[in-house]
């Protein structure tokens, strides 16, 4: 555990991601031995839950679900409060993200840094060049690194990234039968968050919601999920018509999976009752997206 905690604070996000998942598995296998480390682990899990890298957020959600599984009631309030905080905090997301002013030196978020810095001419003019993956920039004494492995910059987490991580966490917690009622009660909060379109990255958040919604439905079962089905229709049909191809595809697959889960006639009836104008989109989707 001491070694994992050291790795959890590594500069490299792949190392932190692997350490996070490993810590979750360690807690699952050795809950008694790990209990004393939880005050140190919770903040680290939450940092990864709002990381700039999507796969890191997913790993944190899986690790926290393992914590909830082994510690039961003593961990539920801590974790559920974080989920509520993350989902409700989405309303504080700025409309646009400052591209460069918020950059800070810290743990690695390479892909985000690369995206934001690719077009900065000052950083890419008259500089030493290295092959992709070269260790030389990191091994140079007194250097902060460079090239494509310059990974000691951190873009501060945004509210939508924490909310996105919380969607993954809700999906993971839905596998826990003791939390079915609690997760079901979180769905109206999630649907409300999915209705917010005031910020640039809302399509990324909606993509995650559409991907995870069928998983949540299957884990909770019809008893807990069906009462909240209509609450997600607006965000699903908004997503299927948006210009972002990944989000539209996720919404298309979401509809098909919900149709298979609930039954085509049931889904069609609920859609027609909610908003008849959505029926044409539902019918069209049956011919463009495989199950």
C-alpha atoms as a PDB file:
ATOM      1  CA  UNK A   1       0.000   0.000   0.000  1.00  0.00           C
ATOM      2  CA  UNK A   2       2.869   2.383   0.759  1.00  0.00           C
ATOM      3  CA  UNK A   3       4.305   1.714  -2.689  1.00  0.00           C
ATOM      4  CA  UNK A   4       0.929   2.273  -4.339  1.00  0.00           C
ATOM      5  CA  UNK A   5       0.451   5.573  -2.531  1.00  0.00           C
ATOM      6  CA  UNK A   6       3.815   6.745  -3.854  1.00  0.00           C
ATOM      7  CA  UNK A   7       2.823   5.741  -7.389  1.00  0.00           C
ATOM      8  CA  UNK A   8      -0.547   7.452  -6.933  1.00  0.00           C
ATOM      9  CA  UNK A   9       1.295  10.777  -6.718  1.00  0.00           C
ATOM     10  CA  UNK A  10       3.490  10.161  -9.762  1.00  0.00           C
ATOM     11  CA  UNK A  11       3.857  12.873 -12.400  1.00  0.00           C
ATOM     12  CA  UNK A  12       2.759  10.524 -15.165  1.00  0.00           C
ATOM     13  CA  UNK A  13      -0.996  10.086 -15.580  1.00  0.00           C
ATOM     14  CA  UNK A  14      -0.720   6.454 -16.806  1.00  0.00           C
ATOM     15  CA  UNK A  15       1.138   5.624 -13.589  1.00  0.00           C
ATOM     16  CA  UNK A  16      -1.467   7.392 -11.467  1.00  0.00           C
ATOM     17  CA  UNK A  17      -4.236   5.635 -13.377  1.00  0.00           C
ATOM     18  CA  UNK A  18      -2.684   2.201 -12.844  1.00  0.00           C
ATOM     19  CA  UNK A  19      -2.021   2.966  -9.172  1.00  0.00           C
ATOM     20  CA  UNK A  20      -5.621   4.065  -8.680  1.00  0.00           C
ATOM     21  CA  UNK A  21      -7.056   0.855 -10.120  1.00  0.00           C
ATOM     22  CA  UNK A  22      -4.487  -1.190  -8.188  1.00  0.00           C
ATOM     23  CA  UNK A  23      -5.439   0.566  -4.942  1.00  0.00           C
ATOM     24  CA  UNK A  24      -9.086  -0.249  -5.563  1.00  0.00           C
ATOM     25  CA  UNK A  25      -8.237  -3.898  -6.109  1.00  0.00           C
ATOM     26  CA  UNK A  26      -5.956  -3.914  -3.069  1.00  0.00           C
ATOM     27  CA  UNK A  27      -8.739  -2.553  -0.875  1.00  0.00           C
ATOM     28  CA  UNK A  28     -11.088  -5.174  -2.284  1.00  0.00           C
ATOM     29  CA  UNK A  29      -8.682  -7.986  -1.382  1.00  0.00           C
ATOM     30  CA  UNK A  30      -7.348  -6.586   1.910  1.00  0.00           C
ATOM     31  CA  UNK A  31     -10.081  -4.374   3.420  1.00  0.00           C
ATOM     32  CA  UNK A  32      -8.901  -4.648   7.019  1.00  0.00           C
ATOM     33  CA  UNK A  33      -5.290  -3.840   6.196  1.00  0.00           C
ATOM     34  CA  UNK A  34      -6.365  -0.930   3.959  1.00  0.00           C
ATOM     35  CA  UNK A  35      -8.789   0.771   6.341  1.00  0.00           C
ATOM     36  CA  UNK A  36      -6.124   2.953   7.960  1.00  0.00           C
ATOM     37  CA  UNK A  37      -5.059   4.231   4.510  1.00  0.00           C
ATOM     38  CA  UNK A  38      -8.528   5.395   3.458  1.00  0.00           C
ATOM     39  CA  UNK A  39      -8.117   9.006   4.729  1.00  0.00           C
ATOM     40  CA  UNK A  40      -5.193   9.318   2.316  1.00  0.00           C
ATOM     41  CA  UNK A  41      -6.859   7.366  -0.487  1.00  0.00           C
ATOM     42  CA  UNK A  42     -10.191   9.189  -0.715  1.00  0.00           C
ATOM     43  CA  UNK A  43      -8.670  12.517  -1.869  1.00  0.00           C
ATOM     44  CA  UNK A  44      -6.504  10.693  -4.398  1.00  0.00           C
ATOM     45  CA  UNK A  45      -9.486   8.777  -5.765  1.00  0.00           C
ATOM     46  CA  UNK A  46     -11.448  12.016  -6.063  1.00  0.00           C
ATOM     47  CA  UNK A  47      -8.579  13.750  -7.867  1.00  0.00           C
ATOM     48  CA  UNK A  48      -8.578  10.997 -10.461  1.00  0.00           C
ATOM     49  CA  UNK A  49     -12.362  11.126 -10.674  1.00  0.00           C
ATOM     50  CA  UNK A  50     -12.053  14.677 -12.031  1.00  0.00           C
ATOM     51  CA  UNK A  51      -8.913  14.108 -14.089  1.00  0.00           C
ATOM     52  CA  UNK A  52      -8.632  15.576 -17.584  1.00  0.00           C
ATOM     53  CA  UNK A  53      -8.109  12.090 -19.067  1.00  0.00           C
ATOM     54  CA  UNK A  54     -11.381  10.118 -19.536  1.00  0.00           C
ATOM     55  CA  UNK A  55      -9.846   6.709 -18.855  1.00  0.00           C
ATOM     56  CA  UNK A  56      -8.421   8.000 -15.549  1.00  0.00           C
ATOM     57  CA  UNK A  57     -11.902   9.072 -14.471  1.00  0.00           C
ATOM     58  CA  UNK A  58     -13.231   5.625 -15.324  1.00  0.00           C
ATOM     59  CA  UNK A  59     -10.502   3.939 -13.293  1.00  0.00           C
ATOM     60  CA  UNK A  60     -11.300   6.098 -10.280  1.00  0.00           C
ATOM     61  CA  UNK A  61     -14.979   5.189 -10.541  1.00  0.00           C
ATOM     62  CA  UNK A  62     -14.117   1.495 -10.555  1.00  0.00           C
ATOM     63  CA  UNK A  63     -11.814   1.888  -7.543  1.00  0.00           C
ATOM     64  CA  UNK A  64     -14.421   3.791  -5.522  1.00  0.00           C
ATOM     65  CA  UNK A  65     -17.029   1.161  -6.343  1.00  0.00           C
ATOM     66  CA  UNK A  66     -14.671  -1.446  -4.869  1.00  0.00           C
ATOM     67  CA  UNK A  67     -14.368   0.683  -1.732  1.00  0.00           C
ATOM     68  CA  UNK A  68     -18.153   0.846  -1.419  1.00  0.00           C
ATOM     69  CA  UNK A  69     -18.433  -2.901  -1.922  1.00  0.00           C
ATOM     70  CA  UNK A  70     -16.063  -3.844   0.894  1.00  0.00           C
ATOM     71  CA  UNK A  71     -16.782  -1.112   3.445  1.00  0.00           C
ATOM     72  CA  UNK A  72     -20.531  -0.967   2.911  1.00  0.00           C
ATOM     73  CA  UNK A  73     -22.516   1.534   4.912  1.00  0.00           C
ATOM     74  CA  UNK A  74     -19.492   3.261   6.429  1.00  0.00           C
ATOM     75  CA  UNK A  75     -18.387   4.365   2.958  1.00  0.00           C
ATOM     76  CA  UNK A  76     -21.759   5.015   1.307  1.00  0.00           C
ATOM     77  CA  UNK A  77     -22.351   8.498   2.704  1.00  0.00           C
ATOM     78  CA  UNK A  78     -18.819   9.635   1.843  1.00  0.00           C
ATOM     79  CA  UNK A  79     -19.046   8.438  -1.764  1.00  0.00           C
ATOM     80  CA  UNK A  80     -22.664   9.402  -2.469  1.00  0.00           C
ATOM     81  CA  UNK A  81     -22.060  12.918  -1.165  1.00  0.00           C
ATOM     82  CA  UNK A  82     -19.187  13.244  -3.621  1.00  0.00           C
ATOM     83  CA  UNK A  83     -21.435  12.086  -6.458  1.00  0.00           C
ATOM     84  CA  UNK A  84     -24.071  14.661  -5.536  1.00  0.00           C
ATOM     85  CA  UNK A  85     -21.438  17.364  -5.257  1.00  0.00           C
ATOM     86  CA  UNK A  86     -20.032  16.512  -8.684  1.00  0.00           C
ATOM     87  CA  UNK A  87     -23.367  16.320 -10.487  1.00  0.00           C
ATOM     88  CA  UNK A  88     -24.809  19.444  -8.870  1.00  0.00           C
ATOM     89  CA  UNK A  89     -21.563  21.329  -9.492  1.00  0.00           C
ATOM     90  CA  UNK A  90     -22.073  21.131 -13.240  1.00  0.00           C
ATOM     91  CA  UNK A  91     -24.221  24.263 -13.077  1.00  0.00           C
ATOM     92  CA  UNK A  92     -21.043  26.157 -12.151  1.00  0.00           C
ATOM     93  CA  UNK A  93     -19.248  25.129 -15.338  1.00  0.00           C
ATOM     94  CA  UNK A  94     -18.145  28.237 -17.306  1.00  0.00           C
ATOM     95  CA  UNK A  95     -19.493  28.607 -20.820  1.00  0.00           C
ATOM     96  CA  UNK A  96     -16.018  28.507 -22.336  1.00  0.00           C
ATOM     97  CA  UNK A  97     -12.677  27.237 -21.081  1.00  0.00           C
ATOM     98  CA  UNK A  98      -9.650  29.490 -21.019  1.00  0.00           C
ATOM     99  CA  UNK A  99      -7.183  27.742 -23.240  1.00  0.00           C
ATOM    100  CA  UNK A 100      -3.860  28.665 -21.720  1.00  0.00           C
ATOM    101  CA  UNK A 101      -4.172  30.918 -18.705  1.00  0.00           C
ATOM    102  CA  UNK A 102      -5.139  28.079 -16.365  1.00  0.00           C
ATOM    103  CA  UNK A 103      -2.243  25.831 -17.256  1.00  0.00           C
ATOM    104  CA  UNK A 104      -0.237  24.883 -14.202  1.00  0.00           C
ATOM    105  CA  UNK A 105       2.766  22.731 -13.492  1.00  0.00           C
ATOM    106  CA  UNK A 106       1.685  19.541 -11.816  1.00  0.00           C
ATOM    107  CA  UNK A 107       0.722  15.903 -12.452  1.00  0.00           C
ATOM    108  CA  UNK A 108       0.602  14.784 -16.041  1.00  0.00           C
ATOM    109  CA  UNK A 109      -2.305  15.400 -18.355  1.00  0.00           C
ATOM    110  CA  UNK A 110      -0.421  14.938 -21.594  1.00  0.00           C
ATOM    111  CA  UNK A 111      -3.241  14.612 -24.115  1.00  0.00           C
ATOM    112  CA  UNK A 112      -4.994  17.744 -22.875  1.00  0.00           C
ATOM    113  CA  UNK A 113      -1.762  19.710 -22.781  1.00  0.00           C
ATOM    114  CA  UNK A 114      -0.893  18.599 -26.295  1.00  0.00           C
ATOM    115  CA  UNK A 115      -4.255  19.671 -27.641  1.00  0.00           C
ATOM    116  CA  UNK A 116      -3.988  23.120 -26.073  1.00  0.00           C
ATOM    117  CA  UNK A 117      -0.330  23.724 -26.937  1.00  0.00           C
ATOM    118  CA  UNK A 118       0.033  22.279 -30.438  1.00  0.00           C
ATOM    119  CA  UNK A 119      -0.461  25.650 -32.105  1.00  0.00           C
ATOM    120  CA  UNK A 120       1.737  27.700 -29.799  1.00  0.00           C
ATOM    121  CA  UNK A 121       4.492  28.805 -32.177  1.00  0.00           C
ATOM    122  CA  UNK A 122       6.744  30.036 -29.383  1.00  0.00           C
ATOM    123  CA  UNK A 123       6.964  26.559 -27.905  1.00  0.00           C
ATOM    124  CA  UNK A 124       7.781  24.884 -31.218  1.00  0.00           C
ATOM    125  CA  UNK A 125      10.232  27.251 -32.871  1.00  0.00           C
ATOM    126  CA  UNK A 126      14.029  26.827 -32.691  1.00  0.00           C
ATOM    127  CA  UNK A 127      13.793  24.066 -30.093  1.00  0.00           C
ATOM    128  CA  UNK A 128      15.697  20.794 -29.730  1.00  0.00           C
ATOM    129  CA  UNK A 129      13.780  17.969 -31.377  1.00  0.00           C
ATOM    130  CA  UNK A 130      13.440  14.424 -29.999  1.00  0.00           C
ATOM    131  CA  UNK A 131      11.925  11.264 -31.356  1.00  0.00           C
ATOM    132  CA  UNK A 132       8.461  10.382 -30.130  1.00  0.00           C
ATOM    133  CA  UNK A 133       8.673   8.733 -26.696  1.00  0.00           C
ATOM    134  CA  UNK A 134      12.265   9.790 -26.106  1.00  0.00           C
ATOM    135  CA  UNK A 135      13.363   9.831 -22.468  1.00  0.00           C
ATOM    136  CA  UNK A 136      15.997  12.470 -23.153  1.00  0.00           C
ATOM    137  CA  UNK A 137      13.870  15.517 -22.286  1.00  0.00           C
ATOM    138  CA  UNK A 138      12.971  14.069 -18.892  1.00  0.00           C
ATOM    139  CA  UNK A 139      16.543  12.983 -18.135  1.00  0.00           C
ATOM    140  CA  UNK A 140      18.139  16.346 -18.875  1.00  0.00           C
ATOM    141  CA  UNK A 141      19.398  17.835 -15.619  1.00  0.00           C
ATOM    142  CA  UNK A 142      17.485  20.925 -14.595  1.00  0.00           C
ATOM    143  CA  UNK A 143      15.011  20.511 -17.440  1.00  0.00           C
ATOM    144  CA  UNK A 144      11.291  20.340 -17.029  1.00  0.00           C
ATOM    145  CA  UNK A 145      11.100  18.179 -20.113  1.00  0.00           C
ATOM    146  CA  UNK A 146      10.015  18.857 -23.654  1.00  0.00           C
ATOM    147  CA  UNK A 147       8.777  17.305 -26.848  1.00  0.00           C
ATOM    148  CA  UNK A 148       5.783  15.001 -26.821  1.00  0.00           C
ATOM    149  CA  UNK A 149       6.693  13.635 -23.379  1.00  0.00           C
ATOM    150  CA  UNK A 150       6.511  17.030 -21.679  1.00  0.00           C
ATOM    151  CA  UNK A 151       3.895  15.882 -19.207  1.00  0.00           C
ATOM    152  CA  UNK A 152       4.438  17.994 -16.107  1.00  0.00           C
ATOM    153  CA  UNK A 153       1.743  20.480 -16.985  1.00  0.00           C
ATOM    154  CA  UNK A 154      -1.695  20.271 -15.511  1.00  0.00           C
ATOM    155  CA  UNK A 155      -4.879  21.829 -16.730  1.00  0.00           C
ATOM    156  CA  UNK A 156      -6.989  22.461 -13.628  1.00  0.00           C
ATOM    157  CA  UNK A 157     -10.046  20.173 -13.493  1.00  0.00           C
ATOM    158  CA  UNK A 158     -13.345  21.607 -14.593  1.00  0.00           C
ATOM    159  CA  UNK A 159     -16.780  20.963 -13.053  1.00  0.00           C
ATOM    160  CA  UNK A 160     -17.927  19.010 -16.109  1.00  0.00           C
ATOM    161  CA  UNK A 161     -14.994  16.605 -15.750  1.00  0.00           C
ATOM    162  CA  UNK A 162     -15.924  15.776 -12.159  1.00  0.00           C
ATOM    163  CA  UNK A 163     -19.557  15.373 -13.212  1.00  0.00           C
ATOM    164  CA  UNK A 164     -18.434  13.079 -16.026  1.00  0.00           C
ATOM    165  CA  UNK A 165     -16.455  10.966 -13.563  1.00  0.00           C
ATOM    166  CA  UNK A 166     -19.519  10.810 -11.312  1.00  0.00           C
ATOM    167  CA  UNK A 167     -21.579   9.358 -14.180  1.00  0.00           C
ATOM    168  CA  UNK A 168     -19.080   6.505 -14.417  1.00  0.00           C
ATOM    169  CA  UNK A 169     -19.226   6.141 -10.638  1.00  0.00           C
ATOM    170  CA  UNK A 170     -23.032   5.949 -10.648  1.00  0.00           C
ATOM    171  CA  UNK A 171     -22.807   3.203 -13.264  1.00  0.00           C
ATOM    172  CA  UNK A 172     -20.306   1.259 -11.152  1.00  0.00           C
ATOM    173  CA  UNK A 173     -22.332   1.706  -7.956  1.00  0.00           C
ATOM    174  CA  UNK A 174     -25.462   0.454  -9.719  1.00  0.00           C
ATOM    175  CA  UNK A 175     -23.958  -3.055  -9.644  1.00  0.00           C
ATOM    176  CA  UNK A 176     -24.255  -3.007  -5.843  1.00  0.00           C
ATOM    177  CA  UNK A 177     -27.726  -4.291  -4.899  1.00  0.00           C
ATOM    178  CA  UNK A 178     -27.617  -2.505  -1.544  1.00  0.00           C
ATOM    179  CA  UNK A 179     -27.377   0.796  -3.424  1.00  0.00           C
ATOM    180  CA  UNK A 180     -30.162   0.278  -5.964  1.00  0.00           C
ATOM    181  CA  UNK A 181     -32.549   2.622  -4.169  1.00  0.00           C
ATOM    182  CA  UNK A 182     -29.821   5.219  -3.620  1.00  0.00           C
ATOM    183  CA  UNK A 183     -28.674   5.122  -7.241  1.00  0.00           C
ATOM    184  CA  UNK A 184     -32.272   5.322  -8.438  1.00  0.00           C
ATOM    185  CA  UNK A 185     -32.724   8.456  -6.348  1.00  0.00           C
ATOM    186  CA  UNK A 186     -29.690   9.990  -8.075  1.00  0.00           C
ATOM    187  CA  UNK A 187     -31.166   9.622 -11.567  1.00  0.00           C
ATOM    188  CA  UNK A 188     -33.342  12.792 -11.478  1.00  0.00           C
ATOM    189  CA  UNK A 189     -30.250  14.749 -10.469  1.00  0.00           C
ATOM    190  CA  UNK A 190     -28.321  13.229 -13.366  1.00  0.00           C
ATOM    191  CA  UNK A 191     -31.115  13.966 -15.832  1.00  0.00           C
ATOM    192  CA  UNK A 192     -31.205  17.591 -14.695  1.00  0.00           C
ATOM    193  CA  UNK A 193     -27.448  17.876 -15.207  1.00  0.00           C
ATOM    194  CA  UNK A 194     -27.782  16.376 -18.685  1.00  0.00           C
ATOM    195  CA  UNK A 195     -30.228  19.141 -19.602  1.00  0.00           C
ATOM    196  CA  UNK A 196     -27.539  21.821 -19.181  1.00  0.00           C
ATOM    197  CA  UNK A 197     -26.136  22.874 -22.558  1.00  0.00           C
ATOM    198  CA  UNK A 198     -24.562  26.207 -21.677  1.00  0.00           C
ATOM    199  CA  UNK A 199     -20.926  25.030 -21.881  1.00  0.00           C
ATOM    200  CA  UNK A 200     -18.775  23.864 -24.788  1.00  0.00           C
ATOM    201  CA  UNK A 201     -18.077  20.372 -23.488  1.00  0.00           C
ATOM    202  CA  UNK A 202     -21.708  19.440 -22.833  1.00  0.00           C
ATOM    203  CA  UNK A 203     -21.608  17.048 -25.792  1.00  0.00           C
ATOM    204  CA  UNK A 204     -18.770  15.127 -24.126  1.00  0.00           C
ATOM    205  CA  UNK A 205     -20.764  14.843 -20.919  1.00  0.00           C
ATOM    206  CA  UNK A 206     -23.847  13.707 -22.867  1.00  0.00           C
ATOM    207  CA  UNK A 207     -21.768  11.081 -24.653  1.00  0.00           C
ATOM    208  CA  UNK A 208     -20.863   9.547 -21.290  1.00  0.00           C
ATOM    209  CA  UNK A 209     -24.469   9.715 -20.078  1.00  0.00           C
ATOM    210  CA  UNK A 210     -25.723   7.964 -23.227  1.00  0.00           C
ATOM    211  CA  UNK A 211     -23.048   5.293 -22.964  1.00  0.00           C
ATOM    212  CA  UNK A 212     -23.661   4.537 -19.302  1.00  0.00           C
ATOM    213  CA  UNK A 213     -27.456   4.865 -19.153  1.00  0.00           C
ATOM    214  CA  UNK A 214     -28.157   1.377 -20.594  1.00  0.00           C
ATOM    215  CA  UNK A 215     -25.616  -0.113 -18.179  1.00  0.00           C
ATOM    216  CA  UNK A 216     -27.307   1.628 -15.266  1.00  0.00           C
ATOM    217  CA  UNK A 217     -30.711   0.435 -16.458  1.00  0.00           C
ATOM    218  CA  UNK A 218     -29.612  -3.192 -16.743  1.00  0.00           C
ATOM    219  CA  UNK A 219     -27.925  -3.144 -13.337  1.00  0.00           C
ATOM    220  CA  UNK A 220     -30.854  -1.519 -11.539  1.00  0.00           C
ATOM    221  CA  UNK A 221     -33.512  -3.530 -13.319  1.00  0.00           C
ATOM    222  CA  UNK A 222     -36.858  -2.318 -14.619  1.00  0.00           C
ATOM    223  CA  UNK A 223     -38.295  -1.770 -11.152  1.00  0.00           C
ATOM    224  CA  UNK A 224     -35.818   0.960 -10.257  1.00  0.00           C
ATOM    225  CA  UNK A 225     -35.098   2.379 -13.709  1.00  0.00           C
ATOM    226  CA  UNK A 226     -38.434   2.637 -15.506  1.00  0.00           C
ATOM    227  CA  UNK A 227     -39.858   5.388 -13.248  1.00  0.00           C
ATOM    228  CA  UNK A 228     -37.024   7.650 -14.437  1.00  0.00           C
ATOM    229  CA  UNK A 229     -36.971   6.690 -18.123  1.00  0.00           C
ATOM    230  CA  UNK A 230     -38.799   9.750 -19.470  1.00  0.00           C
ATOM    231  CA  UNK A 231     -36.495  12.097 -17.590  1.00  0.00           C
ATOM    232  CA  UNK A 232     -33.692  11.190 -20.028  1.00  0.00           C
ATOM    233  CA  UNK A 233     -35.617  11.411 -23.315  1.00  0.00           C
ATOM    234  CA  UNK A 234     -34.802  15.068 -23.939  1.00  0.00           C
ATOM    235  CA  UNK A 235     -31.054  14.586 -23.489  1.00  0.00           C
ATOM    236  CA  UNK A 236     -30.998  11.385 -25.589  1.00  0.00           C
ATOM    237  CA  UNK A 237     -32.887  12.874 -28.536  1.00  0.00           C
ATOM    238  CA  UNK A 238     -30.927  16.105 -28.270  1.00  0.00           C
ATOM    239  CA  UNK A 239     -27.725  14.050 -28.444  1.00  0.00           C
ATOM    240  CA  UNK A 240     -28.816  11.983 -31.419  1.00  0.00           C
ATOM    241  CA  UNK A 241     -29.351  15.139 -33.477  1.00  0.00           C
ATOM    242  CA  UNK A 242     -26.220  17.041 -32.384  1.00  0.00           C
ATOM    243  CA  UNK A 243     -23.261  17.691 -34.679  1.00  0.00           C
ATOM    244  CA  UNK A 244     -20.803  15.692 -32.584  1.00  0.00           C
ATOM    245  CA  UNK A 245     -20.537  12.280 -34.239  1.00  0.00           C
ATOM    246  CA  UNK A 246     -19.416  10.407 -31.108  1.00  0.00           C
ATOM    247  CA  UNK A 247     -22.253  11.817 -29.025  1.00  0.00           C
ATOM    248  CA  UNK A 248     -24.834  11.122 -31.730  1.00  0.00           C
ATOM    249  CA  UNK A 249     -23.556   7.555 -32.090  1.00  0.00           C
ATOM    250  CA  UNK A 250     -23.674   7.000 -28.325  1.00  0.00           C
ATOM    251  CA  UNK A 251     -27.282   8.254 -28.239  1.00  0.00           C
ATOM    252  CA  UNK A 252     -28.210   5.982 -31.133  1.00  0.00           C
ATOM    253  CA  UNK A 253     -26.747   2.956 -29.376  1.00  0.00           C
ATOM    254  CA  UNK A 254     -28.413   4.046 -26.137  1.00  0.00           C
ATOM    255  CA  UNK A 255     -31.853   3.983 -27.746  1.00  0.00           C
ATOM    256  CA  UNK A 256     -31.270   0.566 -29.269  1.00  0.00           C
ATOM    257  CA  UNK A 257     -30.038  -0.916 -26.015  1.00  0.00           C
ATOM    258  CA  UNK A 258     -32.932   0.565 -24.058  1.00  0.00           C
ATOM    259  CA  UNK A 259     -35.295  -0.849 -26.673  1.00  0.00           C
ATOM    260  CA  UNK A 260     -33.794  -4.308 -26.225  1.00  0.00           C
ATOM    261  CA  UNK A 261     -33.938  -3.967 -22.434  1.00  0.00           C
ATOM    262  CA  UNK A 262     -37.489  -2.630 -22.106  1.00  0.00           C
ATOM    263  CA  UNK A 263     -39.025  -4.010 -25.279  1.00  0.00           C
ATOM    264  CA  UNK A 264     -39.486  -2.031 -28.524  1.00  0.00           C
ATOM    265  CA  UNK A 265     -43.209  -1.490 -28.057  1.00  0.00           C
ATOM    266  CA  UNK A 266     -42.795  -0.282 -24.470  1.00  0.00           C
ATOM    267  CA  UNK A 267     -40.084   2.199 -25.420  1.00  0.00           C
ATOM    268  CA  UNK A 268     -42.104   3.409 -28.398  1.00  0.00           C
ATOM    269  CA  UNK A 269     -45.179   3.910 -26.253  1.00  0.00           C
ATOM    270  CA  UNK A 270     -43.288   5.826 -23.583  1.00  0.00           C
ATOM    271  CA  UNK A 271     -41.659   8.049 -26.214  1.00  0.00           C
ATOM    272  CA  UNK A 272     -44.980   8.767 -27.907  1.00  0.00           C
ATOM    273  CA  UNK A 273     -46.594   9.627 -24.595  1.00  0.00           C
ATOM    274  CA  UNK A 274     -43.722  11.929 -23.647  1.00  0.00           C
ATOM    275  CA  UNK A 275     -43.258  13.728 -26.963  1.00  0.00           C
ATOM    276  CA  UNK A 276     -44.799  12.414 -30.213  1.00  0.00           C
ATOM    277  CA  UNK A 277     -42.289  14.425 -32.253  1.00  0.00           C
ATOM    278  CA  UNK A 278     -39.533  12.123 -31.034  1.00  0.00           C
ATOM    279  CA  UNK A 279     -41.186   9.118 -32.718  1.00  0.00           C
ATOM    280  CA  UNK A 280     -39.732   9.923 -36.122  1.00  0.00           C
ATOM    281  CA  UNK A 281     -36.239  10.039 -34.672  1.00  0.00           C
ATOM    282  CA  UNK A 282     -36.847   6.750 -32.868  1.00  0.00           C
ATOM    283  CA  UNK A 283     -38.081   5.057 -36.051  1.00  0.00           C
ATOM    284  CA  UNK A 284     -35.206   6.433 -38.106  1.00  0.00           C
ATOM    285  CA  UNK A 285     -32.692   5.210 -35.559  1.00  0.00           C
ATOM    286  CA  UNK A 286     -33.872   1.620 -35.925  1.00  0.00           C
ATOM    287  CA  UNK A 287     -32.462   1.575 -39.446  1.00  0.00           C
ATOM    288  CA  UNK A 288     -29.111   3.280 -38.852  1.00  0.00           C
ATOM    289  CA  UNK A 289     -27.764   1.775 -35.617  1.00  0.00           C
ATOM    290  CA  UNK A 290     -27.171  -1.927 -34.928  1.00  0.00           C
ATOM    291  CA  UNK A 291     -28.128  -3.435 -31.596  1.00  0.00           C
END
